[in-house]
Amino acid sequence: MNAKALAFAALAALPFAADANPIFDGWYADPQIRRFGGEYWVFPTYSAPFGEQTFFDAFSSRDLETWTKHGKVLKAADVSWANSCLWAPDVHEKDGRYYLFFSANDTYPADGSKTGTVVRAKSDRKYGGIGVAVADRPEGPYRDLIGKPLIDCFWNGAQPIDQYVFEHGGEWFMIYGGWRRCNMVRLAPDFKSLLPFDDGSMWRDMTPKDYVEGSVMFERRGKWYFMYSSGDWTRDNYCVNYSVGDSPFGPFEFKGRILASQKPLATGAGHHSVIRLPGTDDWLICYHRRPIPSLSRHHRVVCIDRLRFKENGDIEPVTMTGEAPNGDGGDKR
């Protein structure tokens, strides 16, 4: 079968009903979905108390239905400056190698400010930020690429977490941020440092309306979609909003909410990623949500549903699928 036929087969294989969601067992969040060769990969955050978030697992599938777990593809113990709070992995293939971008240590300025340039000492457990690791295969094992964070400061007030990397015009960019602020940076070709934009700036403030965290940036039919999470990750109001522009650099027009709680199935749906099935205009959204009943603030599971567009390019509200748990949480811890 050619790539287009395989893509249609993969889409047809998705039940989008009954117990199809969550797509695999366990408590996970912040899923990044990618496709390498003929396989789909999901890289999530392990959803647990912060001190237990010391590794990343990965999951692979050829049909988007049966998933294989690859345990501990990157561990904090293998990153000299990381100790916990490993969040939001994002993996890209470049020149035959695989690069895993991640955030670690839930860093914040030593003086408690949100202004940006005051960082902690490297000996402090809260010193950290956004890093990058490299491997020869998508399942790793990954190793720290530069021995320090790419970003360790709160430039423009944005916490250095929740990075999303994308390519545009033959160059690589990263959009990131937490604490209701969002930046974009330009990456060096080897991913070991940052490059200035044409105007000489290093950090471009991209904060849209109602932004909290979890940036996503992608292009469809000449339009750029800037998606992100709003609300509180521990509450029912966690959701996904989006804006649209003619360029990844903006300006963007705010469009509104497309993914939110849908009782009695689940609440707190957010921190997502998207993927287009090759050779088609069929898109999927991979996200986490809180089953009802929720067993803990960390009780988050990974799901996949269709992402549909209207004729004018606007995104239709996502209908979550799956079956509500029967009281035991529906998942294996």
Protein backbone atom coordinates (compact mmCIF):
# COMPACT_ATOMS: atom_id res chain seq x y z
CA MET A 1 0.00 0.00 0.00
CA ASN A 2 1.22 3.52 -0.70
CA ALA A 3 1.45 6.24 1.95
CA LYS A 4 -2.00 7.64 1.17
CA ALA A 5 -3.65 4.22 1.35
CA LEU A 6 -1.88 3.49 4.62
CA ALA A 7 -3.07 6.80 6.03
CA PHE A 8 -6.69 6.07 5.13
CA ALA A 9 -6.34 2.59 6.62
CA ALA A 10 -4.97 4.07 9.84
CA LEU A 11 -7.85 6.56 10.05
CA ALA A 12 -10.41 3.84 9.38
CA ALA A 13 -8.85 1.65 12.06
CA LEU A 14 -9.58 4.20 14.77
CA PRO A 15 -12.79 3.17 16.55
CA PHE A 16 -13.46 6.61 18.09
CA ALA A 17 -16.09 4.92 20.19
CA ALA A 18 -16.69 2.54 23.07
CA ASP A 19 -13.44 2.10 25.01
CA ALA A 20 -10.99 3.36 22.35
CA ASN A 21 -9.92 6.23 24.61
CA PRO A 22 -7.63 6.45 26.49
CA ILE A 23 -5.32 4.98 23.86
CA PHE A 24 -3.00 3.25 26.36
CA ASP A 25 -2.93 2.41 30.06
CA GLY A 26 -1.39 4.62 32.70
CA TRP A 27 -1.54 8.18 33.91
CA TYR A 28 0.12 10.45 31.36
CA ALA A 29 -0.30 14.03 30.14
CA ASP A 30 1.01 16.62 27.65
CA PRO A 31 1.24 14.13 24.74
CA GLN A 32 3.25 14.98 21.64
CA ILE A 33 2.33 12.87 18.60
CA ARG A 34 4.79 12.47 15.72
CA ARG A 35 5.26 10.11 12.76
CA PHE A 36 8.64 8.60 11.95
CA GLY A 37 8.79 6.31 8.94
CA GLY A 38 5.72 4.10 9.04
CA GLU A 39 5.10 4.45 12.77
CA TYR A 40 3.24 6.92 14.97
CA TRP A 41 4.88 7.91 18.23
CA VAL A 42 3.43 9.56 21.34
CA PHE A 43 5.80 11.16 23.86
CA PRO A 44 3.94 12.19 27.05
CA THR A 45 4.67 13.50 30.52
CA TYR A 46 4.42 10.89 33.27
CA SER A 47 1.54 12.23 35.37
CA ALA A 48 2.57 11.90 39.02
CA PRO A 49 3.70 14.09 41.93
CA PHE A 50 6.49 16.37 40.72
CA GLY A 51 9.21 14.54 42.61
CA GLU A 52 8.30 11.31 40.79
CA GLN A 53 8.46 12.85 37.32
CA THR A 54 12.01 11.69 36.70
CA PHE A 55 11.69 9.99 33.29
CA PHE A 56 9.86 9.90 29.97
CA ASP A 57 8.15 6.88 28.47
CA ALA A 58 7.23 6.68 24.77
CA PHE A 59 4.58 4.73 22.85
CA SER A 60 4.61 3.60 19.22
CA SER A 61 1.96 2.25 16.85
CA ARG A 62 1.64 1.41 13.15
CA ASP A 63 -2.17 1.58 13.13
CA LEU A 64 -3.03 4.17 15.83
CA GLU A 65 -4.84 1.41 17.68
CA THR A 66 -2.30 -1.00 19.17
CA TRP A 67 0.45 0.77 21.12
CA THR A 68 3.85 -0.49 22.29
CA LYS A 69 5.39 1.06 25.39
CA HIS A 70 9.07 2.04 25.40
CA GLY A 71 10.01 2.66 29.01
CA LYS A 72 12.27 5.44 30.30
CA VAL A 73 13.61 6.70 26.98
CA LEU A 74 15.16 9.61 28.92
CA LYS A 75 15.84 9.76 32.68
CA ALA A 76 16.70 12.73 34.87
CA ALA A 77 19.67 10.73 36.12
CA ASP A 78 21.16 11.00 32.64
CA VAL A 79 20.84 14.79 32.52
CA SER A 80 23.42 16.53 34.71
CA TRP A 81 21.23 19.54 35.52
CA ALA A 82 17.80 17.82 35.83
CA ASN A 83 16.35 16.17 38.90
CA SER A 84 12.53 16.07 38.53
CA CYS A 85 9.53 17.73 36.86
CA LEU A 86 10.37 16.32 33.43
CA TRP A 87 7.56 17.76 31.31
CA ALA A 88 6.19 17.99 27.79
CA PRO A 89 8.66 16.09 25.56
CA ASP A 90 8.75 16.98 21.86
CA VAL A 91 10.80 14.83 19.46
CA HIS A 92 12.00 15.64 15.93
CA GLU A 93 14.06 13.72 13.40
CA LYS A 94 16.85 15.67 11.70
CA ASP A 95 19.67 14.26 9.57
CA GLY A 96 19.06 10.74 10.81
CA ARG A 97 19.09 11.59 14.51
CA TYR A 98 16.26 12.19 16.95
CA TYR A 99 16.15 15.24 19.19
CA LEU A 100 14.00 15.32 22.32
CA PHE A 101 13.20 18.77 23.67
CA PHE A 102 11.96 18.85 27.26
CA SER A 103 11.59 21.01 30.33
CA ALA A 104 12.85 20.10 33.80
CA ASN A 105 12.84 21.20 37.46
CA ASP A 106 9.81 23.57 37.35
CA THR A 107 12.26 26.45 37.53
CA TYR A 108 11.42 29.96 38.66
CA PRO A 109 13.45 33.07 39.59
CA ALA A 110 15.22 32.95 42.93
CA ASP A 111 13.63 36.21 44.08
CA GLY A 112 10.12 34.99 43.29
CA SER A 113 9.59 37.61 40.59
CA LYS A 114 8.12 36.99 37.17
CA THR A 115 10.24 39.58 35.40
CA GLY A 116 12.76 37.24 33.98
CA THR A 117 16.47 37.58 34.36
CA VAL A 118 17.10 36.49 37.95
CA VAL A 119 18.05 32.81 37.81
CA ARG A 120 18.94 30.31 40.47
CA ALA A 121 22.40 28.95 41.10
CA LYS A 122 23.17 25.80 39.17
CA SER A 123 23.50 23.93 42.45
CA ASP A 124 19.86 24.75 43.33
CA ARG A 125 17.32 22.00 42.64
CA LYS A 126 15.03 24.62 41.09
CA TYR A 127 17.63 25.63 38.54
CA GLY A 128 16.50 24.32 35.15
CA GLY A 129 14.49 25.19 32.08
CA ILE A 130 14.26 23.83 28.54
CA GLY A 131 16.81 21.27 27.38
CA VAL A 132 17.46 18.97 24.46
CA ALA A 133 18.62 15.36 24.25
CA VAL A 134 19.63 13.24 21.25
CA ALA A 135 19.39 9.59 20.20
CA ASP A 136 19.90 7.42 17.15
CA ARG A 137 16.40 5.95 17.36
CA PRO A 138 13.03 7.42 18.37
CA GLU A 139 12.86 5.03 21.33
CA GLY A 140 16.24 6.19 22.57
CA PRO A 141 18.08 5.95 24.81
CA TYR A 142 18.49 9.73 24.71
CA ARG A 143 21.47 11.59 26.10
CA ASP A 144 21.79 15.25 27.04
CA LEU A 145 23.05 17.22 24.04
CA ILE A 146 24.67 20.30 25.58
CA GLY A 147 24.97 19.67 29.33
CA LYS A 148 22.82 22.66 30.27
CA PRO A 149 19.41 24.16 29.45
CA LEU A 150 18.87 25.95 26.16
CA ILE A 151 16.79 28.48 28.11
CA ASP A 152 17.00 29.00 31.88
CA CYS A 153 15.55 32.51 32.30
CA PHE A 154 12.06 34.03 32.39
CA TRP A 155 12.45 36.24 29.33
CA ASN A 156 9.32 38.40 28.87
CA GLY A 157 7.95 36.72 32.00
CA ALA A 158 7.54 33.31 30.32
CA GLN A 159 8.44 30.29 32.41
CA PRO A 160 10.78 28.07 30.31
CA ILE A 161 8.46 25.06 29.93
CA ASP A 162 6.13 23.45 27.36
CA GLN A 163 8.30 23.89 24.28
CA TYR A 164 7.00 23.13 20.78
CA VAL A 165 9.50 22.96 17.91
CA PHE A 166 8.61 23.46 14.25
CA GLU A 167 10.27 24.08 10.90
CA HIS A 168 9.51 27.02 8.63
CA GLY A 169 11.35 28.19 5.54
CA GLY A 170 14.21 25.77 6.12
CA GLU A 171 14.80 27.06 9.67
CA TRP A 172 13.78 25.74 13.07
CA PHE A 173 11.85 27.67 15.69
CA MET A 174 10.57 26.96 19.16
CA ILE A 175 7.51 28.44 20.82
CA TYR A 176 7.25 27.93 24.57
CA GLY A 177 6.10 29.31 27.88
CA GLY A 178 4.13 29.04 31.06
CA TRP A 179 2.83 31.39 33.73
CA ARG A 180 0.53 32.99 31.11
CA ARG A 181 3.38 34.23 28.93
CA CYS A 182 4.64 32.85 25.62
CA ASN A 183 7.85 33.40 23.62
CA MET A 184 9.26 32.29 20.29
CA VAL A 185 12.96 31.69 19.65
CA ARG A 186 15.02 30.71 16.62
CA LEU A 187 17.13 27.55 16.95
CA ALA A 188 20.63 27.01 15.59
CA PRO A 189 20.79 24.20 12.99
CA ASP A 190 22.52 21.86 15.46
CA PHE A 191 19.93 22.63 18.19
CA LYS A 192 22.72 23.50 20.62
CA SER A 193 21.97 27.22 20.91
CA LEU A 194 19.65 30.05 19.92
CA LEU A 195 20.07 32.48 17.03
CA PRO A 196 18.79 36.07 16.87
CA PHE A 197 15.89 37.00 14.65
CA ASP A 198 16.56 39.30 11.69
CA ASP A 199 15.84 42.33 13.86
CA GLY A 200 18.47 41.25 16.38
CA SER A 201 16.03 40.15 19.08
CA MET A 202 16.43 36.77 20.78
CA TRP A 203 13.04 36.28 22.47
CA ARG A 204 9.85 37.33 20.70
CA ASP A 205 6.77 37.80 22.89
CA MET A 206 3.91 35.83 21.27
CA THR A 207 1.40 35.82 24.16
CA PRO A 208 -2.16 35.51 22.79
CA LYS A 209 -5.51 36.01 24.49
CA ASP A 210 -6.14 33.72 27.49
CA TYR A 211 -2.78 31.98 27.10
CA VAL A 212 -1.55 29.79 29.98
CA GLU A 213 0.75 27.08 28.55
CA GLY A 214 1.03 24.19 26.07
CA SER A 215 1.76 25.94 22.75
CA VAL A 216 1.20 24.26 19.37
CA MET A 217 1.99 25.81 15.99
CA PHE A 218 1.18 24.29 12.57
CA GLU A 219 0.31 25.27 9.01
CA ARG A 220 -2.69 24.19 6.92
CA ARG A 221 -3.59 25.57 3.49
CA GLY A 222 -1.47 28.67 3.92
CA LYS A 223 -2.84 29.52 7.36
CA TRP A 224 -0.92 29.17 10.60
CA TYR A 225 -2.74 27.85 13.66
CA PHE A 226 -1.49 28.86 17.09
CA MET A 227 -3.11 26.61 19.69
CA TYR A 228 -2.57 26.59 23.44
CA SER A 229 -4.07 25.63 26.78
CA SER A 230 -6.01 27.94 29.07
CA GLY A 231 -7.35 27.55 32.58
CA ASP A 232 -5.84 25.62 35.51
CA TRP A 233 -4.34 22.18 34.77
CA THR A 234 -5.76 20.83 38.05
CA ARG A 235 -9.34 22.00 37.40
CA ASP A 236 -12.27 21.33 35.10
CA ASN A 237 -11.73 24.65 33.29
CA TYR A 238 -8.54 23.47 31.56
CA CYS A 239 -9.16 23.75 27.81
CA VAL A 240 -7.66 24.50 24.38
CA ASN A 241 -8.02 27.81 22.53
CA TYR A 242 -6.59 28.86 19.18
CA SER A 243 -5.76 31.82 16.96
CA VAL A 244 -5.04 32.03 13.22
CA GLY A 245 -2.57 34.09 11.18
CA ASP A 246 -0.87 34.24 7.79
CA SER A 247 2.57 33.62 9.28
CA PRO A 248 3.94 31.78 12.33
CA PHE A 249 5.17 35.17 13.52
CA GLY A 250 1.67 36.69 13.53
CA PRO A 251 -0.34 38.77 13.83
CA PHE A 252 -2.94 36.26 14.98
CA GLU A 253 -6.72 36.55 15.18
CA PHE A 254 -8.25 34.93 18.26
CA LYS A 255 -10.84 32.31 17.30
CA GLY A 256 -11.91 30.73 20.57
CA ARG A 257 -12.17 27.39 22.34
CA ILE A 258 -12.20 24.03 20.56
CA LEU A 259 -11.59 21.48 23.33
CA ALA A 260 -13.08 21.56 26.82
CA SER A 261 -14.76 19.44 29.50
CA GLN A 262 -17.54 17.18 28.29
CA LYS A 263 -19.41 15.64 31.19
CA PRO A 264 -20.08 12.87 32.08
CA LEU A 265 -17.10 11.60 30.03
CA ALA A 266 -14.17 13.76 31.14
CA THR A 267 -13.02 17.19 32.24
CA GLY A 268 -9.82 19.23 32.06
CA ALA A 269 -9.03 18.40 28.43
CA GLY A 270 -5.90 20.15 27.17
CA HIS A 271 -2.16 20.30 26.51
CA HIS A 272 -2.44 18.66 23.13
CA SER A 273 -0.65 18.12 19.84
CA VAL A 274 -1.91 17.58 16.30
CA ILE A 275 -0.93 15.48 13.31
CA ARG A 276 -1.99 15.27 9.68
CA LEU A 277 -2.24 11.80 8.22
CA PRO A 278 0.20 11.65 5.28
CA GLY A 279 -1.26 12.18 1.83
CA THR A 280 -4.58 13.45 3.22
CA ASP A 281 -6.21 16.48 4.79
CA ASP A 282 -7.32 14.35 7.74
CA TRP A 283 -6.09 15.60 11.10
CA LEU A 284 -6.01 14.15 14.60
CA ILE A 285 -5.68 15.81 17.98
CA CYS A 286 -3.81 13.99 20.76
CA TYR A 287 -4.50 15.38 24.23
CA HIS A 288 -4.90 14.53 27.88
CA ARG A 289 -8.08 14.67 29.92
CA ARG A 290 -9.37 13.87 33.41
CA PRO A 291 -11.67 10.85 33.63
CA ILE A 292 -14.83 11.12 35.73
CA PRO A 293 -14.48 10.27 38.57
CA SER A 294 -11.00 11.72 38.98
CA LEU A 295 -8.84 9.89 41.49
CA SER A 296 -6.16 12.59 41.90
CA ARG A 297 -4.94 15.90 40.53
CA HIS A 298 -2.47 13.73 38.60
CA HIS A 299 -5.16 11.46 37.13
CA ARG A 300 -4.74 12.35 33.45
CA VAL A 301 -4.92 10.02 30.47
CA VAL A 302 -3.95 10.32 26.78
CA CYS A 303 -6.61 10.30 24.07
CA ILE A 304 -6.89 10.81 20.31
CA ASP A 305 -9.86 12.26 18.42
CA ARG A 306 -10.53 13.80 15.04
CA LEU A 307 -9.72 17.45 14.38
CA ARG A 308 -12.14 18.82 11.81
CA PHE A 309 -12.03 22.08 9.86
CA LYS A 310 -14.86 24.14 8.42
CA GLU A 311 -14.83 25.35 4.82
CA ASN A 312 -13.48 28.74 5.94
CA GLY A 313 -10.61 27.07 7.80
CA ASP A 314 -11.99 27.50 11.31
CA ILE A 315 -11.64 24.50 13.62
CA GLU A 316 -14.81 22.78 14.74
CA PRO A 317 -15.21 22.02 18.46
CA VAL A 318 -13.71 18.62 19.21
CA THR A 319 -16.08 15.84 20.24
CA MET A 320 -14.32 13.62 22.76
CA THR A 321 -14.95 9.91 22.35
CA GLY A 322 -14.54 6.93 24.62
CA GLU A 323 -16.42 5.40 27.48
CA ALA A 324 -16.75 6.90 30.94
CA PRO A 325 -14.97 4.88 33.66
CA ASN A 326 -17.17 2.74 35.90
CA GLY A 327 -15.89 4.08 39.19
CA ASP A 328 -12.41 2.58 39.38
CA GLY A 329 -10.79 5.39 37.40
CA GLY A 330 -10.65 3.31 34.24
CA ASP A 331 -6.86 3.18 34.13
CA LYS A 332 -3.95 1.25 35.52
CA ARG A 333 -1.68 3.46 37.61
